[in-house]
C-alpha cells in the first residue's frame, strides 16, 4: 500500500480558500442554493425575469386608456405663479411683507420678513375653459385645449432630490423602483429590440436625485431605465469593437449566456437571468438604436416644428426622440431638463433671464411633441405628463441680499399638465388660494397622480406589488387614490 503523504496544513488552508460560499452552495447536495432556486421557481420570481408577471392577477387589470408614457420633468421646478397660476393679488401687494400663511412648514432660504413678489409677466386667458397662460409660453397656447392643467398638486418634500424621488419612485429615499421600472416589469415592452424604459437628459446635468430617479430598486435590474444621449453615439459602446463582426459578437454573447444559464441553474440567483436578458437586449440594441436615435432622418418640416438640430444635445432633440422612441414601442420615455431652479441668486437662476431662456427652449418642442403625436394618431394612446417636483414661493427669495428676482422651494402647491391617454382634454383641475401658496380646491397628492397614471395604463395600483424584505411593496406605498376628475 502506498503510504499517505504527510499532512500539510498549508494545503488544507489553500483548499479552504478555494471553497467560496458560492462554490459551497453550488456543489453541496440538497444545498441552500438548490433550496433557494426551488423557492424562487415556486414563487414565480424566475418568471418575472423572463417576462412573466408575478402579480396576483394578470396585467393589465382593466381596459387601458394609454399604452405608453412620455414624462417631461422640468428638474429644479418651474414657478407656477409665472407660468400657469395667475395671481393678481401678488402684483397688487408686490414689495409688502408676506403674510405668515404664505409660508410652508419648512423652507430652504426665505426669511420670515420676505417680500411678496408679483409676477413680471403678463397672462392671457386662452382655450375653451379660459385657462390662464403666461406670455412666456406662446406656443403652448396652441395646444391648451388638448391638455388637462392641474393646479392643485402638492408634495411633502421641499428639497430637489427627495422630491424627485417621491414623484418618480413613490418614496423620498433611495432604493425604490422608479415608475418606469414598475411599468417595464408589469407590462413589458412592445419592441423586443429596445428597452421598455429609456431616459434622456438635457440642461447640462442629471437631476438632483441622479440615476436613482430611474433605478429599478429591488426589481430585476433589466427593468432599470437606460440613459441614451442625444448627441454622439446614443449609447456608449453601441458599435462592435474593431475586428469583431456581428457573427463573432453573437457567438460570444451566446457562449457567455450559456455559462450564465449554467450558473443560474446552479446558484438560483435571479439576477444572473437578468444579466442574460441584458446581454441579449444589448446585442439587439446595436442594430435598432442607431437608426431610431438618428433624427436627421426626419423631414425638414418636422425638424423645424420642434426646433431640433441633428447632433445637438438639446431638450428639443430629446422631445423629437421621445416621439420616435414611443412610436417604436418604448413603454416609458423619461425626459429630464435641468435649469428650472430659479432662486434669483444671479442671472443664471433668476426670473428675468434664466426663466425666459428655459421657456424658449421648452415651449416650442413640447408643443410640437403634442401636435406631432396627434397628427400621427398616437396621442390617444400615449400619456404625456409635464411637471416639476414642487412649487415656488410667493416671496422673493433675495438670498444674501441679491438684487435678482427669484423664488424659493415650496411644497404646498404646484402645477402640472397631462395630455393624451384618456385625460380630460381642455380641463383646468383644482385651484390655489389667492396667494398661490396652498391648495384651495381639489388637492391631488403625488401618490394620487401615480395611482391615476397606472389606472390609465390599465393597472390597479394596489395590485401591482413586488415582495421584498418580507413584505409587499408598490409604487404608491400605502397611499394613493385614482382621481377620476382627470379622466375623460
Protein backbone atom coordinates (compact mmCIF):
# COMPACT_ATOMS: atom_id res chain seq x y z
CA UNK A 1 0.00 0.00 0.00
CA UNK A 2 1.32 3.40 -0.93
CA UNK A 3 1.83 5.45 2.22
CA UNK A 4 -0.25 8.58 2.64
CA UNK A 5 1.59 11.85 2.12
CA UNK A 6 2.35 13.77 5.28
CA UNK A 7 -0.35 16.16 6.48
CA UNK A 8 0.17 19.62 5.01
CA UNK A 9 -1.75 22.37 6.91
CA UNK A 10 -0.93 24.94 4.22
CA UNK A 11 -2.60 22.77 1.56
CA UNK A 12 -5.75 22.49 3.69
CA UNK A 13 -5.80 26.27 4.02
CA UNK A 14 -5.46 26.72 0.23
CA UNK A 15 -8.33 24.30 -0.39
CA UNK A 16 -10.49 26.14 2.10
CA UNK A 17 -9.76 29.44 0.38
CA UNK A 18 -10.93 27.96 -2.96
CA UNK A 19 -14.16 26.76 -1.39
CA UNK A 20 -16.02 30.07 -1.51
CA UNK A 21 -19.57 30.43 -0.25
CA UNK A 22 -20.76 30.37 -3.86
CA UNK A 23 -18.89 27.15 -4.60
CA UNK A 24 -20.12 25.55 -1.38
CA UNK A 25 -23.74 26.37 -2.14
CA UNK A 26 -23.33 25.31 -5.75
CA UNK A 27 -21.71 21.95 -5.02
CA UNK A 28 -23.46 20.82 -1.86
CA UNK A 29 -26.12 18.13 -2.35
CA UNK A 30 -29.55 19.49 -1.39
CA UNK A 31 -27.73 22.78 -0.80
CA UNK A 32 -29.23 26.03 0.37
CA UNK A 33 -28.67 27.23 -3.22
CA UNK A 34 -30.87 24.45 -4.57
CA UNK A 35 -33.47 25.21 -1.93
CA UNK A 36 -33.34 28.87 -2.84
CA UNK A 37 -33.75 28.05 -6.53
CA UNK A 38 -36.75 25.88 -5.73
CA UNK A 39 -38.28 28.69 -3.71
CA UNK A 40 -37.71 31.19 -6.49
CA UNK A 41 -39.30 28.90 -9.03
CA UNK A 42 -42.27 28.21 -6.77
CA UNK A 43 -42.76 31.91 -6.14
CA UNK A 44 -42.51 32.74 -9.83
CA UNK A 45 -39.57 35.11 -9.37
CA UNK A 46 -37.69 33.50 -12.22
CA UNK A 47 -40.72 34.06 -14.38
CA UNK A 48 -40.63 37.79 -13.72
CA UNK A 49 -37.08 37.98 -15.04
CA UNK A 50 -38.03 36.31 -18.28
CA UNK A 51 -41.04 38.43 -18.88
CA UNK A 52 -43.85 36.75 -16.95
CA UNK A 53 -45.65 38.83 -14.35
CA UNK A 54 -45.62 37.51 -10.79
CA UNK A 55 -48.51 39.71 -9.71
CA UNK A 56 -51.58 38.18 -8.06
CA UNK A 57 -53.68 38.95 -11.13
CA UNK A 58 -52.80 39.18 -14.83
CA UNK A 59 -51.87 42.56 -16.28
CA UNK A 60 -53.41 44.77 -17.33
CA UNK A 61 -56.04 44.62 -14.61
CA UNK A 62 -58.53 46.67 -16.61
CA UNK A 63 -59.02 48.24 -20.00
CA UNK A 64 -56.05 50.55 -20.59
CA UNK A 65 -56.63 54.04 -21.93
CA UNK A 66 -52.91 54.52 -22.64
CA UNK A 67 -50.24 52.12 -23.87
CA UNK A 68 -47.17 54.17 -23.05
CA UNK A 69 -45.92 57.25 -21.23
CA UNK A 70 -43.73 60.24 -22.05
CA UNK A 71 -42.83 62.05 -18.84
CA UNK A 72 -41.36 65.56 -19.21
CA UNK A 73 -39.70 66.51 -15.92
CA UNK A 74 -38.54 70.11 -15.57
CA UNK A 75 -35.83 69.45 -12.98
CA UNK A 76 -35.46 72.23 -10.45
CA UNK A 77 -39.17 73.08 -10.64
CA UNK A 78 -40.68 75.96 -12.65
CA UNK A 79 -42.51 78.76 -10.77
CA UNK A 80 -46.24 78.16 -11.12
CA UNK A 81 -47.02 81.84 -10.38
CA UNK A 82 -45.18 82.90 -13.54
CA UNK A 83 -46.45 80.22 -15.94
CA UNK A 84 -49.90 78.75 -15.19
CA UNK A 85 -51.30 80.01 -11.87
CA UNK A 86 -52.04 83.70 -12.33
CA UNK A 87 -52.42 85.60 -9.05
CA UNK A 88 -53.24 89.34 -9.45
CA UNK A 89 -53.01 89.74 -5.66
CA UNK A 90 -49.26 89.21 -5.83
CA UNK A 91 -48.83 92.19 -8.14
CA UNK A 92 -51.20 94.28 -6.04
CA UNK A 93 -49.21 93.51 -2.87
CA UNK A 94 -45.76 93.39 -4.51
CA UNK A 95 -43.00 94.53 -2.16
CA UNK A 96 -45.03 94.10 1.03
CA UNK A 97 -44.04 91.70 3.79
CA UNK A 98 -45.69 88.38 3.00
CA UNK A 99 -48.36 87.10 5.43
CA UNK A 100 -47.36 84.22 7.67
CA UNK A 101 -49.81 81.85 5.98
CA UNK A 102 -47.89 82.18 2.71
CA UNK A 103 -45.03 80.16 4.15
CA UNK A 104 -44.64 76.40 4.06
CA UNK A 105 -43.85 74.43 7.21
CA UNK A 106 -40.23 74.27 6.07
CA UNK A 107 -38.33 76.48 3.63
CA UNK A 108 -34.79 76.41 2.34
CA UNK A 109 -33.77 80.07 2.09
CA UNK A 110 -36.61 82.58 2.52
CA UNK A 111 -36.55 84.71 5.68
CA UNK A 112 -39.52 85.48 7.96
CA UNK A 113 -39.70 89.07 6.65
CA UNK A 114 -39.57 88.14 2.93
CA UNK A 115 -41.43 90.40 0.49
CA UNK A 116 -44.25 89.40 -1.84
CA UNK A 117 -43.05 89.02 -5.43
CA UNK A 118 -45.59 89.81 -8.15
CA UNK A 119 -45.08 88.13 -11.49
CA UNK A 120 -43.20 90.30 -14.01
CA UNK A 121 -45.07 88.62 -16.87
CA UNK A 122 -48.49 89.17 -18.37
CA UNK A 123 -51.13 86.44 -18.57
CA UNK A 124 -53.88 85.70 -21.06
CA UNK A 125 -56.95 83.50 -20.85
CA UNK A 126 -56.93 81.01 -23.71
CA UNK A 127 -58.81 77.91 -24.80
CA UNK A 128 -62.36 76.81 -24.29
CA UNK A 129 -62.07 76.88 -20.48
CA UNK A 130 -60.25 80.20 -20.33
CA UNK A 131 -57.05 78.80 -18.82
CA UNK A 132 -54.56 81.45 -17.68
CA UNK A 133 -51.25 81.07 -19.52
CA UNK A 134 -48.15 83.26 -19.27
CA UNK A 135 -46.69 85.29 -22.13
CA UNK A 136 -43.58 83.10 -21.71
CA UNK A 137 -45.47 80.18 -23.33
CA UNK A 138 -46.84 81.48 -26.66
CA UNK A 139 -46.66 78.09 -28.39
CA UNK A 140 -48.35 76.24 -25.55
CA UNK A 141 -51.45 78.38 -26.08
CA UNK A 142 -51.97 76.46 -29.35
CA UNK A 143 -52.45 73.14 -27.55
CA UNK A 144 -54.16 74.25 -24.35
CA UNK A 145 -57.41 72.56 -25.40
CA UNK A 146 -55.53 69.25 -25.74
CA UNK A 147 -54.17 69.21 -22.19
CA UNK A 148 -55.51 68.88 -18.67
CA UNK A 149 -53.96 71.51 -16.41
CA UNK A 150 -53.78 70.50 -12.74
CA UNK A 151 -53.16 73.49 -10.47
CA UNK A 152 -53.65 71.69 -7.16
CA UNK A 153 -50.74 69.29 -6.88
CA UNK A 154 -48.84 69.17 -3.58
CA UNK A 155 -45.93 67.26 -2.04
CA UNK A 156 -44.38 66.83 1.39
CA UNK A 157 -40.77 67.32 0.22
CA UNK A 158 -39.02 70.67 -0.20
CA UNK A 159 -35.55 69.64 -1.44
CA UNK A 160 -34.89 68.55 -5.01
CA UNK A 161 -33.56 65.00 -4.65
CA UNK A 162 -36.17 63.65 -2.19
CA UNK A 163 -38.98 65.46 -4.04
CA UNK A 164 -37.86 63.98 -7.37
CA UNK A 165 -37.58 60.52 -5.81
CA UNK A 166 -41.04 60.80 -4.27
CA UNK A 167 -42.50 61.79 -7.63
CA UNK A 168 -40.73 59.08 -9.61
CA UNK A 169 -40.44 56.21 -7.09
CA UNK A 170 -43.19 56.91 -4.54
CA UNK A 171 -40.69 57.32 -1.71
CA UNK A 172 -38.32 60.14 -0.73
CA UNK A 173 -35.39 57.80 0.00
CA UNK A 174 -33.27 55.90 -2.50
CA UNK A 175 -33.79 52.21 -3.14
CA UNK A 176 -37.34 52.01 -4.52
CA UNK A 177 -38.11 51.18 -8.16
CA UNK A 178 -38.99 54.11 -10.39
CA UNK A 179 -42.32 54.40 -12.15
CA UNK A 180 -40.81 53.39 -15.47
CA UNK A 181 -39.29 50.29 -13.87
CA UNK A 182 -42.65 49.27 -12.39
CA UNK A 183 -44.26 49.58 -15.83
CA UNK A 184 -41.41 47.73 -17.51
CA UNK A 185 -41.75 44.88 -15.00
CA UNK A 186 -45.54 44.84 -15.07
CA UNK A 187 -46.29 45.41 -18.75
CA UNK A 188 -43.03 44.63 -20.56
CA UNK A 189 -42.05 46.16 -23.86
CA UNK A 190 -43.82 46.50 -27.18
CA UNK A 191 -40.49 46.17 -29.03
CA UNK A 192 -38.10 43.34 -28.14
CA UNK A 193 -35.19 45.20 -29.75
CA UNK A 194 -35.45 48.17 -27.38
CA UNK A 195 -35.55 48.64 -23.60
CA UNK A 196 -39.01 49.28 -22.23
CA UNK A 197 -37.72 52.26 -20.21
CA UNK A 198 -35.46 54.91 -21.74
CA UNK A 199 -34.14 58.16 -20.23
CA UNK A 200 -32.97 61.36 -21.96
CA UNK A 201 -31.29 64.22 -20.06
CA UNK A 202 -30.70 67.84 -21.08
CA UNK A 203 -29.73 71.08 -19.37
CA UNK A 204 -26.11 70.13 -18.75
CA UNK A 205 -26.56 67.82 -15.77
CA UNK A 206 -28.57 64.97 -14.33
CA UNK A 207 -31.46 65.69 -11.93
CA UNK A 208 -30.53 66.09 -8.27
CA UNK A 209 -31.74 62.55 -7.50
CA UNK A 210 -29.24 61.20 -10.04
CA UNK A 211 -29.69 57.78 -11.57
CA UNK A 212 -31.76 56.72 -8.54
CA UNK A 213 -34.63 58.51 -10.29
CA UNK A 214 -34.69 55.78 -12.95
CA UNK A 215 -33.27 52.85 -10.99
CA UNK A 216 -35.09 49.51 -10.68
CA UNK A 217 -34.55 49.26 -6.92
CA UNK A 218 -35.41 45.74 -5.75
CA UNK A 219 -36.93 44.81 -9.13
CA UNK A 220 -34.66 42.91 -11.54
CA UNK A 221 -32.02 45.27 -12.96
CA UNK A 222 -33.15 44.61 -16.53
CA UNK A 223 -36.03 46.99 -15.72
CA UNK A 224 -33.80 49.96 -14.86
CA UNK A 225 -34.04 52.97 -17.15
CA UNK A 226 -31.44 53.04 -19.93
CA UNK A 227 -30.00 56.52 -20.43
CA UNK A 228 -29.41 57.48 -24.04
CA UNK A 229 -27.50 60.51 -25.30
CA UNK A 230 -28.99 62.93 -27.80
CA UNK A 231 -25.52 63.89 -29.11
CA UNK A 232 -22.87 61.49 -30.44
CA UNK A 233 -23.40 57.75 -30.01
CA UNK A 234 -26.80 57.33 -28.31
CA UNK A 235 -25.40 54.53 -26.13
CA UNK A 236 -21.72 54.14 -25.30
CA UNK A 237 -20.05 51.11 -26.92
CA UNK A 238 -23.04 50.62 -29.21
CA UNK A 239 -20.72 49.60 -32.06
CA UNK A 240 -18.78 46.34 -32.23
CA UNK A 241 -15.06 46.60 -31.41
CA UNK A 242 -12.60 46.72 -34.30
CA UNK A 243 -12.02 43.26 -35.72
CA UNK A 244 -15.27 41.80 -34.35
CA UNK A 245 -18.12 41.23 -36.81
CA UNK A 246 -21.76 40.59 -35.92
CA UNK A 247 -21.41 36.80 -36.15
CA UNK A 248 -18.45 36.75 -33.77
CA UNK A 249 -20.27 39.12 -31.38
CA UNK A 250 -23.36 36.88 -31.49
CA UNK A 251 -21.31 33.74 -30.83
CA UNK A 252 -19.54 35.46 -27.94
CA UNK A 253 -22.79 36.50 -26.28
CA UNK A 254 -24.28 33.03 -26.82
CA UNK A 255 -21.26 31.49 -25.06
CA UNK A 256 -21.46 33.96 -22.17
CA UNK A 257 -25.18 33.34 -21.80
CA UNK A 258 -24.71 29.55 -21.74
CA UNK A 259 -22.26 29.99 -18.86
CA UNK A 260 -24.65 32.36 -17.13
CA UNK A 261 -27.52 29.90 -17.59
CA UNK A 262 -25.45 27.11 -16.01
CA UNK A 263 -24.62 29.39 -13.11
CA UNK A 264 -28.26 30.43 -12.70
CA UNK A 265 -29.38 26.80 -12.57
CA UNK A 266 -26.63 26.03 -10.08
CA UNK A 267 -26.98 29.01 -7.75
CA UNK A 268 -30.58 30.15 -8.15
CA UNK A 269 -29.68 33.83 -8.35
CA UNK A 270 -32.41 35.64 -10.38
CA UNK A 271 -30.01 38.49 -11.19
CA UNK A 272 -28.00 36.07 -13.36
CA UNK A 273 -31.05 35.57 -15.58
CA UNK A 274 -31.48 39.34 -15.65
CA UNK A 275 -27.86 39.57 -16.83
CA UNK A 276 -28.64 37.15 -19.67
CA UNK A 277 -31.54 39.32 -20.79
CA UNK A 278 -29.35 42.41 -20.68
CA UNK A 279 -26.70 40.80 -22.88
CA UNK A 280 -29.32 39.75 -25.42
CA UNK A 281 -31.04 43.14 -25.38
CA UNK A 282 -27.74 44.98 -25.77
CA UNK A 283 -26.97 42.87 -28.85
CA UNK A 284 -30.32 43.69 -30.43
CA UNK A 285 -29.99 47.37 -29.49
CA UNK A 286 -26.80 47.62 -31.53
CA UNK A 287 -28.93 47.28 -34.64
CA UNK A 288 -32.10 49.08 -33.56
CA UNK A 289 -30.91 52.09 -31.55
CA UNK A 290 -28.67 53.96 -34.04
CA UNK A 291 -31.47 54.26 -36.61
CA UNK A 292 -34.17 55.26 -34.14
CA UNK A 293 -31.92 57.85 -32.47
CA UNK A 294 -30.93 59.45 -35.80
CA UNK A 295 -33.25 62.45 -36.08
CA UNK A 296 -31.61 63.54 -39.34
CA UNK A 297 -33.98 61.01 -40.95
CA UNK A 298 -36.90 63.31 -40.07
CA UNK A 299 -38.28 65.74 -42.65
CA UNK A 300 -37.07 69.37 -42.62
CA UNK A 301 -40.64 70.38 -41.68
CA UNK A 302 -40.59 68.16 -38.59
CA UNK A 303 -37.16 69.39 -37.50
CA UNK A 304 -38.38 72.96 -37.88
CA UNK A 305 -41.54 72.19 -35.92
CA UNK A 306 -39.51 71.05 -32.91
CA UNK A 307 -36.61 73.45 -33.39
CA UNK A 308 -34.38 70.36 -33.41
CA UNK A 309 -30.83 70.23 -34.76
CA UNK A 310 -29.30 66.80 -35.51
CA UNK A 311 -26.23 66.14 -33.37
CA UNK A 312 -27.08 68.69 -30.67
CA UNK A 313 -27.74 67.71 -27.05
CA UNK A 314 -30.89 69.76 -26.52
CA UNK A 315 -34.32 69.39 -24.98
CA UNK A 316 -35.82 69.96 -28.45
CA UNK A 317 -33.91 66.98 -29.82
CA UNK A 318 -34.99 64.90 -26.84
CA UNK A 319 -38.66 65.73 -27.42
CA UNK A 320 -38.35 64.56 -31.02
CA UNK A 321 -36.51 61.45 -29.86
CA UNK A 322 -39.28 60.82 -27.33
CA UNK A 323 -41.81 60.70 -30.15
CA UNK A 324 -39.60 58.37 -32.20
CA UNK A 325 -38.97 56.05 -29.25
CA UNK A 326 -42.60 56.00 -28.19
CA UNK A 327 -43.66 55.35 -31.77
CA UNK A 328 -41.20 52.44 -31.84
CA UNK A 329 -42.79 50.77 -28.82
CA UNK A 330 -40.80 52.01 -25.81
CA UNK A 331 -43.17 51.78 -22.84
CA UNK A 332 -41.84 54.67 -20.74
CA UNK A 333 -39.73 57.57 -22.05
CA UNK A 334 -38.44 59.88 -19.32
CA UNK A 335 -37.05 63.33 -20.14
CA UNK A 336 -35.21 65.40 -17.53
CA UNK A 337 -34.38 69.02 -18.33
CA UNK A 338 -32.25 70.76 -15.69
CA UNK A 339 -32.15 74.52 -15.13
CA UNK A 340 -35.56 75.45 -13.67
CA UNK A 341 -34.36 76.15 -10.11
CA UNK A 342 -35.00 79.92 -10.18
CA UNK A 343 -33.72 81.11 -6.79
CA UNK A 344 -32.61 84.51 -8.06
CA UNK A 345 -29.03 84.42 -6.81
CA UNK A 346 -27.79 85.69 -10.18
CA UNK A 347 -28.66 85.87 -13.90
CA UNK A 348 -28.13 82.10 -14.20
CA UNK A 349 -31.10 81.30 -11.97
CA UNK A 350 -33.38 84.34 -11.97
CA UNK A 351 -36.87 85.11 -13.22
CA UNK A 352 -35.84 87.76 -15.75
CA UNK A 353 -33.01 85.97 -17.59
CA UNK A 354 -32.96 82.25 -16.85
CA UNK A 355 -36.71 81.58 -16.77
CA UNK A 356 -37.40 83.14 -20.20
CA UNK A 357 -34.43 81.24 -21.63
CA UNK A 358 -35.68 77.94 -20.27
CA UNK A 359 -39.20 78.64 -21.53
CA UNK A 360 -37.91 79.41 -25.02
CA UNK A 361 -36.11 76.07 -25.07
CA UNK A 362 -39.12 74.15 -23.75
CA UNK A 363 -42.27 75.79 -25.11
CA UNK A 364 -41.79 75.11 -28.82
CA UNK A 365 -40.63 71.45 -28.69
CA UNK A 366 -43.25 70.44 -26.11
CA UNK A 367 -45.98 71.97 -28.24
CA UNK A 368 -44.50 70.25 -31.29
CA UNK A 369 -44.46 66.91 -29.46
CA UNK A 370 -48.19 67.04 -28.78
CA UNK A 371 -49.02 68.27 -32.29
CA UNK A 372 -46.82 65.57 -33.82
CA UNK A 373 -48.31 62.78 -31.69
CA UNK A 374 -51.79 64.00 -32.52
CA UNK A 375 -51.31 64.14 -36.29
CA UNK A 376 -49.79 60.64 -36.25
CA UNK A 377 -52.72 59.23 -34.29
CA UNK A 378 -50.50 58.45 -31.28
CA UNK A 379 -51.77 60.94 -28.71
CA UNK A 380 -54.88 58.91 -27.88
CA UNK A 381 -52.74 56.01 -26.65
CA UNK A 382 -49.75 57.97 -25.29
CA UNK A 383 -49.93 59.67 -21.88
CA UNK A 384 -47.78 62.81 -21.76
CA UNK A 385 -47.05 64.38 -18.36
CA UNK A 386 -45.25 67.71 -17.73
CA UNK A 387 -44.17 68.67 -14.22
CA UNK A 388 -41.54 69.84 -11.78
CA UNK A 389 -41.06 68.27 -8.36
CA UNK A 390 -42.65 71.04 -6.22
CA UNK A 391 -43.79 74.66 -6.41
CA UNK A 392 -42.12 78.03 -5.70
CA UNK A 393 -42.72 80.65 -3.04
CA UNK A 394 -44.97 83.70 -3.10
CA UNK A 395 -41.98 85.70 -1.84
CA UNK A 396 -38.81 86.97 -3.45
CA UNK A 397 -36.01 84.84 -2.00
CA UNK A 398 -33.40 87.65 -2.02
CA UNK A 399 -30.72 85.34 -0.69
CA UNK A 400 -27.75 87.21 0.82
CA UNK A 401 -29.26 90.49 -0.33
CA UNK A 402 -29.40 89.50 -4.01
CA UNK A 403 -30.95 92.12 -6.30
CA UNK A 404 -32.10 89.42 -8.74
CA UNK A 405 -35.67 88.13 -8.68
CA UNK A 406 -36.28 84.54 -7.66
CA UNK A 407 -38.49 82.17 -5.71
CA UNK A 408 -37.55 79.52 -3.13
CA UNK A 409 -38.80 75.91 -2.98
CA UNK A 410 -42.40 75.48 -1.87
CA UNK A 411 -44.10 72.06 -1.41
CA UNK A 412 -47.59 73.43 -0.66
CA UNK A 413 -48.78 73.57 -4.28
CA UNK A 414 -47.59 73.32 -7.84
CA UNK A 415 -48.96 72.97 -11.36
CA UNK A 416 -48.60 70.09 -13.79
CA UNK A 417 -50.36 69.21 -17.02
CA UNK A 418 -51.26 65.95 -18.71
CA UNK A 419 -52.33 65.10 -22.24
CA UNK A 420 -53.44 62.08 -24.24
CA UNK A 421 -54.06 58.57 -22.99
CA UNK A 422 -57.57 59.29 -21.77
CA UNK A 423 -57.00 62.57 -19.91
CA UNK A 424 -59.75 65.18 -19.82
CA UNK A 425 -58.58 67.48 -22.61
CA UNK A 426 -59.19 71.20 -22.14
CA UNK A 427 -59.87 70.90 -18.40
CA UNK A 428 -58.42 73.02 -15.59
CA UNK A 429 -58.49 70.99 -12.38
CA UNK A 430 -58.12 72.41 -8.88
CA UNK A 431 -57.12 75.82 -7.59
CA UNK A 432 -54.90 77.50 -5.05
CA UNK A 433 -55.60 80.31 -2.57
CA UNK A 434 -55.39 83.96 -3.74
CA UNK A 435 -51.65 83.99 -2.98
CA UNK A 436 -50.86 80.74 -4.80
CA UNK A 437 -49.36 79.36 -1.58
CA UNK A 438 -51.66 76.46 -0.69
CA UNK A 439 -54.23 74.27 -2.43
CA UNK A 440 -57.71 75.73 -2.08
CA UNK A 441 -59.74 73.20 -4.05
CA UNK A 442 -59.26 69.59 -5.13
CA UNK A 443 -55.86 68.72 -3.59
CA UNK A 444 -54.02 65.99 -5.51
CA UNK A 445 -51.04 64.26 -3.94
CA UNK A 446 -48.04 62.74 -5.68
CA UNK A 447 -49.35 59.26 -4.88
CA UNK A 448 -52.76 60.20 -6.31
CA UNK A 449 -51.03 61.16 -9.56
CA UNK A 450 -49.16 57.84 -9.65
CA UNK A 451 -52.30 55.83 -8.93
CA UNK A 452 -54.14 57.69 -11.70
CA UNK A 453 -51.35 57.19 -14.23
CA UNK A 454 -51.28 53.44 -13.52
CA UNK A 455 -55.08 53.32 -13.83
CA UNK A 456 -54.84 54.93 -17.27
CA UNK A 457 -52.46 52.12 -18.25
CA UNK A 458 -54.97 49.53 -17.07
CA UNK A 459 -53.22 48.81 -13.75
CA UNK A 460 -54.72 48.74 -10.27
CA UNK A 461 -52.03 50.44 -8.19
CA UNK A 462 -52.92 48.35 -5.13
CA UNK A 463 -52.34 45.09 -7.03
CA UNK A 464 -49.05 45.97 -8.74
CA UNK A 465 -46.83 44.64 -5.93
CA UNK A 466 -43.43 43.02 -5.51
CA UNK A 467 -42.35 41.12 -2.41
CA UNK A 468 -39.03 42.26 -0.96
CA UNK A 469 -37.53 42.02 2.51
CA UNK A 470 -40.56 40.22 3.85
CA UNK A 471 -43.36 42.49 2.65
CA UNK A 472 -45.18 43.56 -0.50
CA UNK A 473 -44.14 46.90 -1.97
CA UNK A 474 -45.94 49.03 -4.53
CA UNK A 475 -45.28 52.31 -6.32
CA UNK A 476 -47.87 54.19 -4.27
CA UNK A 477 -46.64 52.70 -0.97
CA UNK A 478 -49.78 52.67 1.25
CA UNK A 479 -51.31 55.78 -0.28
CA UNK A 480 -52.94 56.99 -3.47
CA UNK A 481 -56.42 57.39 -4.92
CA UNK A 482 -57.36 57.30 -8.60
CA UNK A 483 -58.55 60.81 -9.46
CA UNK A 484 -61.33 60.29 -11.97
CA UNK A 485 -61.77 64.04 -12.47
CA UNK A 486 -58.57 63.94 -14.55
CA UNK A 487 -60.04 61.36 -16.93
CA UNK A 488 -62.18 61.85 -20.00
